[in-house]
């Protein structure tokens, strides 16, 4: 049975040591949310994730969701855990107090969501999707709709979903056929079928609020003709009381590779009453509020599963004895050394940990920037931070889930044959992690979005500002003797990124295939350099903290891991740059009929 312990100390390091959210410039966002308060919140929340949610993850996977008489029943223990999540006030932690929330910064909620996803990703999605639906309604819907629907979504008495995909269309949403017919009374009748709807039905909430992309007859074909509708499972009266069923039904639930604890539904809408969110034709724009939150959330899932897989692989390696270290026996008097003494095992664990801590810092940075965007008084500041979030969102979603999955496989490998056995839970982490590379926009779509939209944005000013920040860090730390290898490696990797960017700018328009063929490699190149920059910054902070805490293993480990990442991972940047510069001729040389 796997175990999980929330990484509270590292969460606090990211928020207060690295990002310094308690400094005066953030007072209008974080107010009196000091380190002691956040520590208390994180410790209390960890009691729920470690002690209540994590223990039902394996059983929830084995039992899965049940489809009985057209209704979905969540695995045993899920309803009780969800009630504890709800009754503890955790569901409204970052929501608007106007609708019953506590109004804390969304960045705190994002950091804590790692804990929930590590403890049980399938369970976590019921609340995570509700928060995404809340965000879209809160930003785009009328005051009347918000007042009517949001309070019970904040409390999670009602949960939320998003409904985009149809049997004939996934990425190409312009092909959506679901229809919306105006009833002339501020409501529409929604008719169509949606597939792959996570948390589409369950027995843990009184009502389920579906956000549905649909097309009205008076709008054009393609994505410009799509509108977003709020469609409840059960209708309510003017006082918010449940009334009659709304002709929303579940056709079936999918049998999946993983994520068995979360229902993935075929949803049928048969003249179901829906309410327009925002303006007609703005459906995709409005849904992307939820989608962008979901993409950050899915990146967190990649981190979260990598973290829990790491914890269990580390503990196993600290206990399992096999063979002797190549440099001589380390555990004197024992029949064999613990496998963590073998350099390849230790290196694998350090690689996973280096990823986890850099990924956590990147998630924290994006989350704090998002808070600044939501609260900044200066439009220029808001725009600048939004540009950075837009640029890095594909990296967060794509790189964190790609490497998060790989890390789960590496952690499973450390268990040897025992990792393939269900008893240890490692194979579940691998199965659950796989979907994160696919949904909320496949990782190839993230890579294409990065090179085709985010890099050219504002005539390249956004990516250049990003590179300038890295260059400034390198310049400021050139004389840092202890971190000289880190700074030099970061400099070389940044040069590789700039060279790859130059290649895409020169060849991308003349030969679009060369850019498309390079997209995934460029996304990972950018991820490597981003992590290198983050590790550099974390190491500098650790140096500063060691002045007053010279014996701190925590801060010393930051510097060691920064050097490790610089030596073992940053050199990969050059390899990616060479691959990117090879173009697409070697790809196009093969006729598709020969493949």
Protein backbone atom coordinates (compact mmCIF):
# COMPACT_ATOMS: atom_id res chain seq x y z
CA UNK A 1 0.00 0.00 0.00
CA UNK A 2 1.57 3.32 -1.05
CA UNK A 3 1.91 6.19 1.41
CA UNK A 4 1.91 9.95 0.94
CA UNK A 5 3.13 12.91 2.96
CA UNK A 6 2.38 16.41 1.70
CA UNK A 7 5.60 18.38 0.98
CA UNK A 8 4.67 21.29 3.24
CA UNK A 9 8.22 22.54 3.82
CA UNK A 10 8.86 22.88 0.10
CA UNK A 11 5.50 24.57 -0.48
CA UNK A 12 6.46 27.19 2.10
CA UNK A 13 9.90 27.57 0.53
CA UNK A 14 8.35 28.31 -2.86
CA UNK A 15 5.80 30.81 -1.58
CA UNK A 16 7.85 32.66 1.03
CA UNK A 17 11.56 32.13 0.30
CA UNK A 18 11.51 32.05 -3.50
CA UNK A 19 8.45 34.10 -4.47
CA UNK A 20 8.36 36.20 -1.27
CA UNK A 21 4.60 36.65 -1.24
CA UNK A 22 4.78 38.27 2.20
CA UNK A 23 6.61 41.32 0.87
CA UNK A 24 4.88 44.68 0.75
CA UNK A 25 4.35 44.77 -3.02
CA UNK A 26 1.92 41.86 -2.66
CA UNK A 27 -0.01 43.20 0.35
CA UNK A 28 -3.05 44.04 -1.77
CA UNK A 29 -3.23 40.38 -2.81
CA UNK A 30 -2.08 38.36 0.17
CA UNK A 31 -2.84 40.80 2.98
CA UNK A 32 -2.20 39.21 6.35
CA UNK A 33 -1.54 35.77 4.90
CA UNK A 34 1.81 35.28 6.59
CA UNK A 35 3.97 32.17 6.79
CA UNK A 36 2.52 31.01 10.10
CA UNK A 37 -1.02 31.21 8.72
CA UNK A 38 -0.17 29.35 5.52
CA UNK A 39 1.71 26.74 7.54
CA UNK A 40 -1.36 26.15 9.71
CA UNK A 41 -3.61 25.90 6.64
CA UNK A 42 -1.26 23.49 4.85
CA UNK A 43 -0.79 21.29 7.90
CA UNK A 44 -4.53 21.04 8.50
CA UNK A 45 -5.23 20.29 4.84
CA UNK A 46 -2.48 17.66 4.82
CA UNK A 47 -4.32 15.79 7.57
CA UNK A 48 -7.17 15.33 5.11
CA UNK A 49 -5.03 14.41 2.10
CA UNK A 50 -2.60 12.16 3.95
CA UNK A 51 -5.05 10.52 6.32
CA UNK A 52 -8.39 10.41 4.50
CA UNK A 53 -7.94 10.72 0.73
CA UNK A 54 -4.70 8.77 0.21
CA UNK A 55 -5.97 5.61 1.97
CA UNK A 56 -8.93 5.27 -0.45
CA UNK A 57 -6.91 5.79 -3.62
CA UNK A 58 -5.97 2.13 -4.18
CA UNK A 59 -9.38 0.77 -3.19
CA UNK A 60 -11.07 3.38 -5.36
CA UNK A 61 -8.95 2.27 -8.29
CA UNK A 62 -9.74 -1.40 -7.77
CA UNK A 63 -13.48 -0.91 -7.29
CA UNK A 64 -13.89 1.94 -9.75
CA UNK A 65 -17.09 3.82 -10.47
CA UNK A 66 -20.21 1.72 -10.94
CA UNK A 67 -22.91 2.40 -13.54
CA UNK A 68 -26.24 1.18 -12.18
CA UNK A 69 -29.66 1.94 -13.69
CA UNK A 70 -28.34 4.96 -15.56
CA UNK A 71 -26.62 6.47 -12.53
CA UNK A 72 -22.98 6.55 -11.44
CA UNK A 73 -21.94 5.43 -7.97
CA UNK A 74 -18.53 6.57 -6.73
CA UNK A 75 -16.19 4.04 -5.07
CA UNK A 76 -16.61 3.19 -1.40
CA UNK A 77 -15.21 5.86 0.88
CA UNK A 78 -15.34 8.64 -1.72
CA UNK A 79 -18.60 10.13 -0.49
CA UNK A 80 -17.38 10.30 3.11
CA UNK A 81 -14.06 11.85 2.04
CA UNK A 82 -15.87 14.36 -0.18
CA UNK A 83 -18.13 15.29 2.72
CA UNK A 84 -15.06 15.94 4.86
CA UNK A 85 -13.56 18.10 2.10
CA UNK A 86 -16.82 20.02 1.88
CA UNK A 87 -17.59 20.23 5.60
CA UNK A 88 -14.09 21.51 6.34
CA UNK A 89 -14.70 24.51 4.11
CA UNK A 90 -11.88 23.52 1.76
CA UNK A 91 -13.99 23.68 -1.39
CA UNK A 92 -14.50 27.44 -1.13
CA UNK A 93 -11.02 28.34 0.10
CA UNK A 94 -10.16 30.59 -2.86
CA UNK A 95 -13.69 31.50 -3.99
CA UNK A 96 -15.43 34.87 -3.81
CA UNK A 97 -16.82 35.62 -0.32
CA UNK A 98 -19.87 37.09 -2.07
CA UNK A 99 -20.87 33.53 -2.91
CA UNK A 100 -19.76 31.84 0.29
CA UNK A 101 -16.04 31.47 -0.36
CA UNK A 102 -13.16 32.46 1.89
CA UNK A 103 -11.47 34.70 -0.67
CA UNK A 104 -7.92 33.46 -0.17
CA UNK A 105 -5.46 33.84 -3.09
CA UNK A 106 -5.89 31.30 -5.85
CA UNK A 107 -2.15 30.56 -5.72
CA UNK A 108 -2.61 29.00 -2.28
CA UNK A 109 -5.36 26.78 -3.64
CA UNK A 110 -3.17 25.78 -6.58
CA UNK A 111 -0.31 24.76 -4.30
CA UNK A 112 -2.63 22.77 -2.05
CA UNK A 113 -4.21 21.05 -5.06
CA UNK A 114 -0.92 19.20 -5.50
CA UNK A 115 -1.61 17.46 -2.19
CA UNK A 116 -5.08 16.34 -3.25
CA UNK A 117 -3.87 15.01 -6.60
CA UNK A 118 -0.95 13.15 -5.03
CA UNK A 119 -3.30 11.58 -2.50
CA UNK A 120 -5.87 10.57 -5.11
CA UNK A 121 -6.01 12.08 -8.57
CA UNK A 122 -9.36 10.54 -9.48
CA UNK A 123 -10.93 11.86 -6.29
CA UNK A 124 -9.34 15.30 -6.66
CA UNK A 125 -10.94 15.88 -10.06
CA UNK A 126 -14.49 16.09 -8.69
CA UNK A 127 -13.58 19.28 -6.85
CA UNK A 128 -10.99 20.50 -9.34
CA UNK A 129 -13.46 20.55 -12.23
CA UNK A 130 -16.00 22.31 -10.04
CA UNK A 131 -13.50 25.09 -9.37
CA UNK A 132 -12.88 25.44 -13.10
CA UNK A 133 -16.58 25.69 -13.85
CA UNK A 134 -16.94 28.18 -11.01
CA UNK A 135 -14.18 30.34 -12.53
CA UNK A 136 -15.85 30.47 -15.95
CA UNK A 137 -19.25 31.32 -14.50
CA UNK A 138 -17.78 33.86 -12.09
CA UNK A 139 -15.96 35.71 -14.85
CA UNK A 140 -18.45 35.49 -17.73
CA UNK A 141 -22.01 34.94 -16.49
CA UNK A 142 -24.60 37.54 -15.57
CA UNK A 143 -24.99 38.60 -11.94
CA UNK A 144 -28.34 36.81 -11.85
CA UNK A 145 -26.84 33.50 -12.97
CA UNK A 146 -23.95 33.85 -10.55
CA UNK A 147 -26.25 34.56 -7.62
CA UNK A 148 -28.43 31.59 -8.50
CA UNK A 149 -25.81 28.92 -9.17
CA UNK A 150 -22.48 29.78 -7.58
CA UNK A 151 -23.15 29.52 -3.82
CA UNK A 152 -23.83 25.79 -3.91
CA UNK A 153 -20.96 25.23 -6.33
CA UNK A 154 -18.64 27.02 -3.91
CA UNK A 155 -19.82 24.73 -1.13
CA UNK A 156 -19.66 21.74 -3.51
CA UNK A 157 -23.22 20.79 -2.68
CA UNK A 158 -23.32 20.96 -6.48
CA UNK A 159 -20.31 19.99 -8.59
CA UNK A 160 -19.31 21.11 -12.07
CA UNK A 161 -18.05 19.72 -15.37
CA UNK A 162 -17.04 20.93 -18.81
CA UNK A 163 -18.52 19.40 -21.95
CA UNK A 164 -16.60 19.95 -25.18
CA UNK A 165 -15.74 16.69 -26.94
CA UNK A 166 -18.23 14.90 -29.19
CA UNK A 167 -17.90 11.49 -30.88
CA UNK A 168 -16.77 13.06 -34.17
CA UNK A 169 -14.65 15.95 -32.84
CA UNK A 170 -12.00 16.45 -30.21
CA UNK A 171 -9.29 18.97 -31.02
CA UNK A 172 -11.31 20.52 -33.87
CA UNK A 173 -14.15 22.02 -31.85
CA UNK A 174 -15.47 23.83 -34.90
CA UNK A 175 -17.17 20.53 -35.80
CA UNK A 176 -19.41 20.56 -32.70
CA UNK A 177 -23.03 19.61 -33.51
CA UNK A 178 -24.75 20.05 -30.14
CA UNK A 179 -27.64 22.47 -30.71
CA UNK A 180 -29.11 25.22 -28.57
CA UNK A 181 -32.61 26.51 -29.35
CA UNK A 182 -33.74 29.80 -27.82
CA UNK A 183 -36.91 29.43 -25.73
CA UNK A 184 -37.48 33.18 -25.62
CA UNK A 185 -37.40 33.25 -21.81
CA UNK A 186 -33.66 33.53 -21.08
CA UNK A 187 -33.30 29.78 -21.46
CA UNK A 188 -32.32 27.45 -24.30
CA UNK A 189 -33.04 23.83 -25.07
CA UNK A 190 -29.76 21.94 -25.44
CA UNK A 191 -29.63 18.75 -27.53
CA UNK A 192 -26.56 16.66 -28.28
CA UNK A 193 -24.08 14.07 -27.04
CA UNK A 194 -20.77 14.75 -25.35
CA UNK A 195 -18.10 12.14 -24.60
CA UNK A 196 -15.14 11.79 -22.24
CA UNK A 197 -16.83 13.97 -19.61
CA UNK A 198 -14.86 13.65 -16.38
CA UNK A 199 -17.03 13.61 -13.24
CA UNK A 200 -20.08 13.73 -15.52
CA UNK A 201 -22.17 11.91 -12.95
CA UNK A 202 -21.75 10.58 -9.40
CA UNK A 203 -23.60 10.28 -6.10
CA UNK A 204 -21.55 12.71 -4.00
CA UNK A 205 -23.50 15.90 -4.78
CA UNK A 206 -27.17 16.83 -5.04
CA UNK A 207 -26.78 18.43 -8.46
CA UNK A 208 -24.21 18.60 -11.24
CA UNK A 209 -23.73 21.77 -13.27
CA UNK A 210 -22.54 21.10 -16.81
CA UNK A 211 -20.88 23.79 -18.90
CA UNK A 212 -21.74 22.86 -22.47
CA UNK A 213 -20.45 24.20 -25.78
CA UNK A 214 -23.31 24.28 -28.28
CA UNK A 215 -24.37 26.00 -31.48
CA UNK A 216 -27.40 28.20 -32.12
CA UNK A 217 -28.96 28.33 -35.59
CA UNK A 218 -28.34 32.05 -35.99
CA UNK A 219 -24.57 31.75 -35.60
CA UNK A 220 -21.97 30.82 -38.26
CA UNK A 221 -20.28 27.46 -38.68
CA UNK A 222 -16.94 26.83 -37.00
CA UNK A 223 -15.74 27.92 -33.58
CA UNK A 224 -17.12 31.46 -34.00
CA UNK A 225 -20.62 30.00 -33.88
CA UNK A 226 -20.19 28.32 -30.50
CA UNK A 227 -21.76 29.56 -27.29
CA UNK A 228 -21.39 28.40 -23.70
CA UNK A 229 -24.36 27.22 -21.66
CA UNK A 230 -24.95 26.29 -18.04
CA UNK A 231 -26.99 23.07 -18.01
CA UNK A 232 -27.96 21.57 -14.63
CA UNK A 233 -28.63 17.90 -14.10
CA UNK A 234 -31.66 18.91 -12.04
CA UNK A 235 -33.61 22.13 -12.47
CA UNK A 236 -34.09 24.54 -9.57
CA UNK A 237 -36.72 27.10 -8.65
CA UNK A 238 -36.15 30.79 -7.96
CA UNK A 239 -35.20 30.01 -4.36
CA UNK A 240 -32.53 27.50 -5.39
CA UNK A 241 -34.51 24.41 -4.46
CA UNK A 242 -34.20 21.31 -6.62
CA UNK A 243 -37.26 20.59 -8.76
CA UNK A 244 -37.45 18.22 -11.73
CA UNK A 245 -34.88 16.31 -13.78
CA UNK A 246 -33.53 18.25 -16.75
CA UNK A 247 -33.33 15.48 -19.37
CA UNK A 248 -29.60 15.08 -18.78
CA UNK A 249 -28.63 11.42 -18.84
CA UNK A 250 -25.54 9.24 -18.81
CA UNK A 251 -25.32 6.89 -21.79
CA UNK A 252 -22.42 4.93 -20.32
CA UNK A 253 -19.16 5.29 -18.45
CA UNK A 254 -15.84 4.47 -20.08
CA UNK A 255 -13.63 1.56 -19.10
CA UNK A 256 -10.22 3.19 -18.92
CA UNK A 257 -6.54 2.41 -18.49
CA UNK A 258 -6.49 4.34 -15.23
CA UNK A 259 -8.26 7.01 -13.24
CA UNK A 260 -10.87 4.44 -12.25
CA UNK A 261 -12.02 6.48 -9.27
CA UNK A 262 -13.32 9.26 -11.52
CA UNK A 263 -16.30 8.69 -13.77
CA UNK A 264 -15.71 9.39 -17.47
CA UNK A 265 -19.17 9.67 -18.99
CA UNK A 266 -21.05 9.79 -22.25
CA UNK A 267 -23.51 12.62 -21.59
CA UNK A 268 -26.80 12.95 -23.44
CA UNK A 269 -28.71 16.24 -23.49
CA UNK A 270 -32.27 15.92 -24.80
CA UNK A 271 -33.94 19.33 -24.90
CA UNK A 272 -32.23 20.03 -21.60
CA UNK A 273 -32.77 23.53 -20.28
CA UNK A 274 -29.62 25.63 -20.40
CA UNK A 275 -28.65 29.23 -19.73
CA UNK A 276 -26.32 31.33 -21.85
CA UNK A 277 -23.02 32.28 -20.21
CA UNK A 278 -21.74 35.52 -21.69
CA UNK A 279 -22.51 36.46 -25.27
CA UNK A 280 -23.44 34.25 -28.20
CA UNK A 281 -20.41 33.29 -30.23
CA UNK A 282 -18.05 33.73 -27.29
CA UNK A 283 -18.41 30.15 -26.15
CA UNK A 284 -14.89 29.00 -26.85
CA UNK A 285 -13.40 32.20 -25.42
CA UNK A 286 -15.42 31.77 -22.24
CA UNK A 287 -14.75 28.05 -21.99
CA UNK A 288 -11.03 28.76 -22.26
CA UNK A 289 -11.18 30.41 -18.85
CA UNK A 290 -11.96 26.97 -17.52
CA UNK A 291 -9.60 25.30 -20.00
CA UNK A 292 -6.61 27.43 -19.02
CA UNK A 293 -7.25 26.73 -15.35
CA UNK A 294 -7.56 23.06 -16.23
CA UNK A 295 -4.25 23.10 -18.13
CA UNK A 296 -2.44 24.47 -15.11
CA UNK A 297 -4.32 21.92 -13.01
CA UNK A 298 -3.28 19.06 -15.28
CA UNK A 299 0.33 20.21 -15.03
CA UNK A 300 -0.10 19.98 -11.27
CA UNK A 301 -1.34 16.41 -11.76
CA UNK A 302 1.91 15.50 -13.51
CA UNK A 303 3.88 16.98 -10.61
CA UNK A 304 1.61 15.41 -8.00
CA UNK A 305 1.93 11.85 -9.30
CA UNK A 306 5.67 12.29 -9.78
CA UNK A 307 5.92 13.39 -6.14
CA UNK A 308 3.96 10.51 -4.63
CA UNK A 309 5.76 8.02 -6.89
CA UNK A 310 9.08 9.51 -5.77
CA UNK A 311 8.21 9.27 -2.09
CA UNK A 312 7.37 5.59 -2.36
CA UNK A 313 10.36 4.73 -4.57
CA UNK A 314 12.71 6.56 -2.19
CA UNK A 315 11.31 4.74 0.82
CA UNK A 316 11.60 1.41 -0.98
CA UNK A 317 15.20 2.15 -2.02
CA UNK A 318 16.06 3.05 1.57
CA UNK A 319 14.79 -0.35 2.72
CA UNK A 320 15.44 -2.86 -0.08
CA UNK A 321 18.83 -4.64 0.05
CA UNK A 322 20.40 -6.03 -3.11
CA UNK A 323 24.09 -6.40 -3.98
CA UNK A 324 26.97 -4.18 -2.98
CA UNK A 325 27.78 -0.64 -4.08
CA UNK A 326 30.34 -0.49 -6.90
CA UNK A 327 32.60 1.63 -4.68
CA UNK A 328 32.52 -0.84 -1.80
CA UNK A 329 29.98 -1.90 0.79
CA UNK A 330 28.19 1.02 2.45
CA UNK A 331 25.99 -0.75 5.01
CA UNK A 332 28.67 -2.50 7.03
CA UNK A 333 27.70 -5.74 8.66
CA UNK A 334 24.66 -6.28 6.44
CA UNK A 335 24.23 -9.05 3.87
CA UNK A 336 23.75 -6.43 1.14
CA UNK A 337 23.58 -2.69 0.64
CA UNK A 338 20.32 -0.83 0.35
CA UNK A 339 19.70 -0.18 -3.32
CA UNK A 340 19.78 3.60 -2.80
CA UNK A 341 23.57 3.23 -2.49
CA UNK A 342 23.79 2.13 -6.14
CA UNK A 343 24.70 5.26 -8.11
CA UNK A 344 22.16 4.65 -10.88
CA UNK A 345 19.29 4.31 -8.40
CA UNK A 346 20.40 7.37 -6.46
CA UNK A 347 20.74 9.37 -9.69
CA UNK A 348 17.24 8.35 -10.78
CA UNK A 349 15.77 9.45 -7.47
CA UNK A 350 17.65 12.75 -7.58
CA UNK A 351 16.39 13.37 -11.12
CA UNK A 352 12.79 12.88 -10.02
CA UNK A 353 13.26 15.07 -6.97
CA UNK A 354 14.97 17.79 -9.03
CA UNK A 355 12.01 17.77 -11.41
CA UNK A 356 9.45 17.83 -8.60
CA UNK A 357 10.96 20.80 -6.80
CA UNK A 358 11.49 22.84 -9.97
CA UNK A 359 8.00 21.99 -11.21
CA UNK A 360 6.51 23.02 -7.86
CA UNK A 361 8.31 26.34 -8.09
CA UNK A 362 7.12 26.89 -11.67
CA UNK A 363 3.53 26.11 -10.71
CA UNK A 364 3.82 28.49 -7.77
CA UNK A 365 5.24 31.24 -9.97
CA UNK A 366 2.44 30.93 -12.52
CA UNK A 367 -0.17 30.80 -9.76
CA UNK A 368 1.18 33.94 -8.08
CA UNK A 369 1.35 35.75 -11.43
CA UNK A 370 -2.29 34.81 -11.95
CA UNK A 371 -3.18 36.37 -8.60
CA UNK A 372 -1.32 39.53 -9.60
CA UNK A 373 -3.27 39.62 -12.88
CA UNK A 374 -6.56 39.34 -11.01
CA UNK A 375 -5.72 42.06 -8.48
CA UNK A 376 -3.25 44.46 -10.10
CA UNK A 377 -4.35 48.07 -10.41
CA UNK A 378 -1.84 48.86 -13.15
CA UNK A 379 -3.01 47.61 -16.60
CA UNK A 380 0.57 47.41 -17.86
CA UNK A 381 1.59 45.18 -14.97
CA UNK A 382 -1.43 43.01 -15.58
CA UNK A 383 -0.64 42.72 -19.29
CA UNK A 384 3.01 41.88 -18.68
CA UNK A 385 2.20 39.10 -16.23
CA UNK A 386 -0.56 37.73 -18.47
CA UNK A 387 1.94 37.52 -21.34
CA UNK A 388 4.28 35.44 -19.17
CA UNK A 389 1.46 33.14 -18.03
CA UNK A 390 0.31 32.65 -21.62
CA UNK A 391 3.83 31.80 -22.72
CA UNK A 392 4.49 29.26 -19.98
CA UNK A 393 1.08 27.56 -19.79
CA UNK A 394 1.87 25.10 -22.63
CA UNK A 395 5.17 24.31 -20.90
CA UNK A 396 3.44 23.68 -17.58
CA UNK A 397 0.84 21.42 -19.13
CA UNK A 398 3.05 19.65 -21.65
CA UNK A 399 6.39 19.28 -19.93
CA UNK A 400 5.11 18.57 -16.43
CA UNK A 401 2.82 15.79 -17.64
CA UNK A 402 5.34 14.25 -20.06
CA UNK A 403 8.11 14.11 -17.48
CA UNK A 404 5.68 13.38 -14.65
CA UNK A 405 4.63 10.21 -16.47
CA UNK A 406 8.25 9.28 -17.21
CA UNK A 407 9.09 9.75 -13.54
CA UNK A 408 6.28 7.42 -12.48
CA UNK A 409 7.76 4.77 -14.78
CA UNK A 410 11.25 5.37 -13.37
CA UNK A 411 9.91 5.14 -9.81
CA UNK A 412 8.11 1.91 -10.73
CA UNK A 413 11.37 0.57 -12.18
CA UNK A 414 13.16 1.15 -8.88
CA UNK A 415 10.79 -1.40 -7.35
CA UNK A 416 11.86 -3.98 -9.93
CA UNK A 417 9.30 -6.76 -10.28
CA UNK A 418 7.47 -5.50 -7.21
CA UNK A 419 6.63 -2.32 -9.11
CA UNK A 420 4.59 -4.36 -11.56
CA UNK A 421 2.50 -5.84 -8.76
CA UNK A 422 -0.65 -4.01 -7.66
CA UNK A 423 0.18 -4.38 -3.96
CA UNK A 424 2.73 -1.54 -4.03
CA UNK A 425 0.55 0.88 -6.00
CA UNK A 426 3.26 1.99 -8.42
CA UNK A 427 1.51 0.62 -11.50
CA UNK A 428 -1.56 2.70 -10.60
CA UNK A 429 0.51 5.88 -10.61
CA UNK A 430 1.76 4.99 -14.10
CA UNK A 431 -1.76 4.29 -15.36
CA UNK A 432 -3.25 7.40 -13.79
CA UNK A 433 -0.45 9.66 -15.03
CA UNK A 434 -0.89 8.63 -18.66
CA UNK A 435 -4.14 10.54 -19.24
CA UNK A 436 -2.61 13.87 -18.21
CA UNK A 437 -0.60 13.87 -21.45
CA UNK A 438 -3.82 13.51 -23.44
CA UNK A 439 -6.70 15.51 -22.01
CA UNK A 440 -7.19 19.27 -21.80
CA UNK A 441 -5.40 19.55 -25.13
CA UNK A 442 -2.90 16.81 -25.98
CA UNK A 443 0.73 17.64 -25.39
CA UNK A 444 1.35 17.87 -29.12
CA UNK A 445 -1.38 20.51 -29.25
CA UNK A 446 0.34 22.34 -26.38
CA UNK A 447 3.60 22.29 -28.32
CA UNK A 448 1.91 23.57 -31.49
CA UNK A 449 0.18 26.29 -29.49
CA UNK A 450 3.55 27.34 -28.09
CA UNK A 451 5.30 27.71 -31.44
CA UNK A 452 2.39 28.97 -33.53
CA UNK A 453 0.70 31.38 -31.10
CA UNK A 454 2.77 32.07 -28.02
CA UNK A 455 6.19 32.61 -29.63
CA UNK A 456 4.94 35.05 -32.31
CA UNK A 457 2.74 36.91 -29.81
CA UNK A 458 3.37 40.66 -29.79
CA UNK A 459 5.97 40.23 -32.54
CA UNK A 460 8.08 38.00 -30.32
CA UNK A 461 8.34 40.48 -27.47
CA UNK A 462 7.00 38.01 -24.89
CA UNK A 463 9.57 35.30 -25.55
CA UNK A 464 12.35 37.89 -25.78
CA UNK A 465 11.39 39.33 -22.39
CA UNK A 466 11.54 35.80 -21.00
CA UNK A 467 15.04 35.28 -22.44
CA UNK A 468 16.13 38.67 -21.11
CA UNK A 469 15.11 37.67 -17.59
CA UNK A 470 17.26 34.55 -17.85
CA UNK A 471 20.12 36.61 -19.23
CA UNK A 472 19.82 39.08 -16.37
CA UNK A 473 20.04 36.26 -13.82
CA UNK A 474 23.16 34.90 -15.53
CA UNK A 475 24.75 38.36 -15.56
CA UNK A 476 23.95 38.98 -11.89
CA UNK A 477 25.45 35.67 -10.76
CA UNK A 478 28.56 35.32 -12.91
CA UNK A 479 30.77 35.98 -9.90
CA UNK A 480 28.99 33.44 -7.69
CA UNK A 481 31.83 30.94 -7.26
CA UNK A 482 29.81 28.23 -5.54
CA UNK A 483 27.24 28.25 -8.35
CA UNK A 484 29.60 28.89 -11.25
CA UNK A 485 28.87 25.52 -12.87
CA UNK A 486 25.13 26.15 -12.59
CA UNK A 487 25.40 29.60 -14.15
CA UNK A 488 27.66 28.38 -16.98
CA UNK A 489 25.37 25.45 -17.78
CA UNK A 490 22.33 27.73 -17.76
CA UNK A 491 24.13 30.13 -20.10
CA UNK A 492 24.87 27.34 -22.59
CA UNK A 493 21.31 26.02 -22.44
CA UNK A 494 19.88 29.50 -22.94
CA UNK A 495 22.11 29.91 -25.99
CA UNK A 496 20.72 26.64 -27.34
CA UNK A 497 17.18 27.89 -26.78
CA UNK A 498 17.93 31.17 -28.53
CA UNK A 499 19.51 29.33 -31.47
CA UNK A 500 16.48 27.05 -31.77
CA UNK A 501 14.18 30.05 -31.62
CA UNK A 502 16.20 31.72 -34.37
CA UNK A 503 15.88 28.63 -36.54
CA UNK A 504 12.10 28.55 -36.13
CA UNK A 505 11.81 32.25 -36.90
CA UNK A 506 13.93 31.87 -40.04
CA UNK A 507 12.46 28.64 -41.39
CA UNK A 508 9.01 28.38 -39.83
CA UNK A 509 7.14 30.57 -42.29
CA UNK A 510 8.98 29.32 -45.37
CA UNK A 511 8.54 25.69 -44.36
CA UNK A 512 5.78 25.26 -41.76
CA UNK A 513 6.47 21.52 -41.54
CA UNK A 514 9.88 22.27 -40.05
CA UNK A 515 8.23 24.16 -37.19
CA UNK A 516 5.56 21.52 -36.64
CA UNK A 517 8.13 18.73 -36.65
CA UNK A 518 10.16 20.63 -34.06
CA UNK A 519 7.29 21.73 -31.82
CA UNK A 520 7.48 19.01 -29.19
CA UNK A 521 11.25 19.23 -28.96
CA UNK A 522 11.08 23.01 -28.62
CA UNK A 523 8.54 22.75 -25.80
CA UNK A 524 10.87 20.42 -23.90
CA UNK A 525 13.90 22.58 -24.66
CA UNK A 526 12.05 25.51 -23.16
CA UNK A 527 11.11 23.37 -20.18
CA UNK A 528 14.73 22.38 -19.53
CA UNK A 529 15.93 25.99 -19.65
CA UNK A 530 13.02 27.16 -17.50
CA UNK A 531 13.86 24.54 -14.88
CA UNK A 532 17.53 25.49 -15.07
CA UNK A 533 16.64 29.12 -14.42
CA UNK A 534 14.40 28.12 -11.52
CA UNK A 535 17.12 25.93 -10.01
CA UNK A 536 19.56 28.80 -10.28
CA UNK A 537 17.17 31.11 -8.45
CA UNK A 538 16.41 28.52 -5.78
CA UNK A 539 20.11 27.89 -5.19
CA UNK A 540 20.78 31.61 -4.71
CA UNK A 541 17.94 31.81 -2.19
CA UNK A 542 19.32 28.74 -0.40
CA UNK A 543 22.73 30.41 -0.17
CA UNK A 544 21.15 33.44 1.45
CA UNK A 545 19.21 31.30 3.93
CA UNK A 546 22.28 29.27 4.88
CA UNK A 547 23.93 32.39 6.28
CA UNK A 548 21.55 32.23 9.26
CA UNK A 549 20.92 28.47 9.05
CA UNK A 550 24.35 26.98 8.27
CA UNK A 551 23.39 23.44 9.25
CA UNK A 552 20.10 23.29 7.33
CA UNK A 553 19.93 20.06 5.32
CA UNK A 554 16.94 21.49 3.45
CA UNK A 555 18.84 24.48 2.04
CA UNK A 556 22.03 22.50 1.45
CA UNK A 557 20.04 19.99 -0.59
CA UNK A 558 18.74 22.81 -2.79
CA UNK A 559 22.29 23.73 -3.81
CA UNK A 560 23.25 20.10 -4.41
CA UNK A 561 20.18 19.54 -6.59
CA UNK A 562 20.83 22.74 -8.53
CA UNK A 563 24.33 21.50 -9.36
CA UNK A 564 22.94 18.05 -10.18
CA UNK A 565 20.35 19.49 -12.56
CA UNK A 566 22.98 21.67 -14.23
CA UNK A 567 25.30 18.71 -14.76
CA UNK A 568 22.82 16.00 -15.69
CA UNK A 569 19.90 17.78 -17.37
CA UNK A 570 20.86 21.18 -18.77
CA UNK A 571 23.24 19.60 -21.34
CA UNK A 572 20.17 18.04 -22.98
CA UNK A 573 19.28 21.51 -24.26
CA UNK A 574 21.97 21.28 -26.94
CA UNK A 575 20.62 17.92 -28.10
CA UNK A 576 17.16 19.40 -28.52
CA UNK A 577 18.57 22.37 -30.42
CA UNK A 578 20.35 20.05 -32.87
CA UNK A 579 17.17 18.03 -33.40
CA UNK A 580 15.12 21.17 -34.00
CA UNK A 581 17.64 22.50 -36.52
CA UNK A 582 17.53 19.26 -38.52
CA UNK A 583 14.27 20.46 -40.07
CA UNK A 584 11.56 18.31 -41.62
CA UNK A 585 13.17 17.03 -44.84
CA UNK A 586 14.05 13.71 -43.25
CA UNK A 587 10.41 13.41 -42.12
CA UNK A 588 8.89 14.35 -45.47
CA UNK A 589 11.22 12.00 -47.34
CA UNK A 590 9.06 9.04 -46.32
CA UNK A 591 5.78 8.71 -48.30
CA UNK A 592 2.87 8.12 -45.95
CA UNK A 593 2.03 4.90 -47.82
CA UNK A 594 5.40 3.46 -46.80
CA UNK A 595 5.06 4.11 -43.08
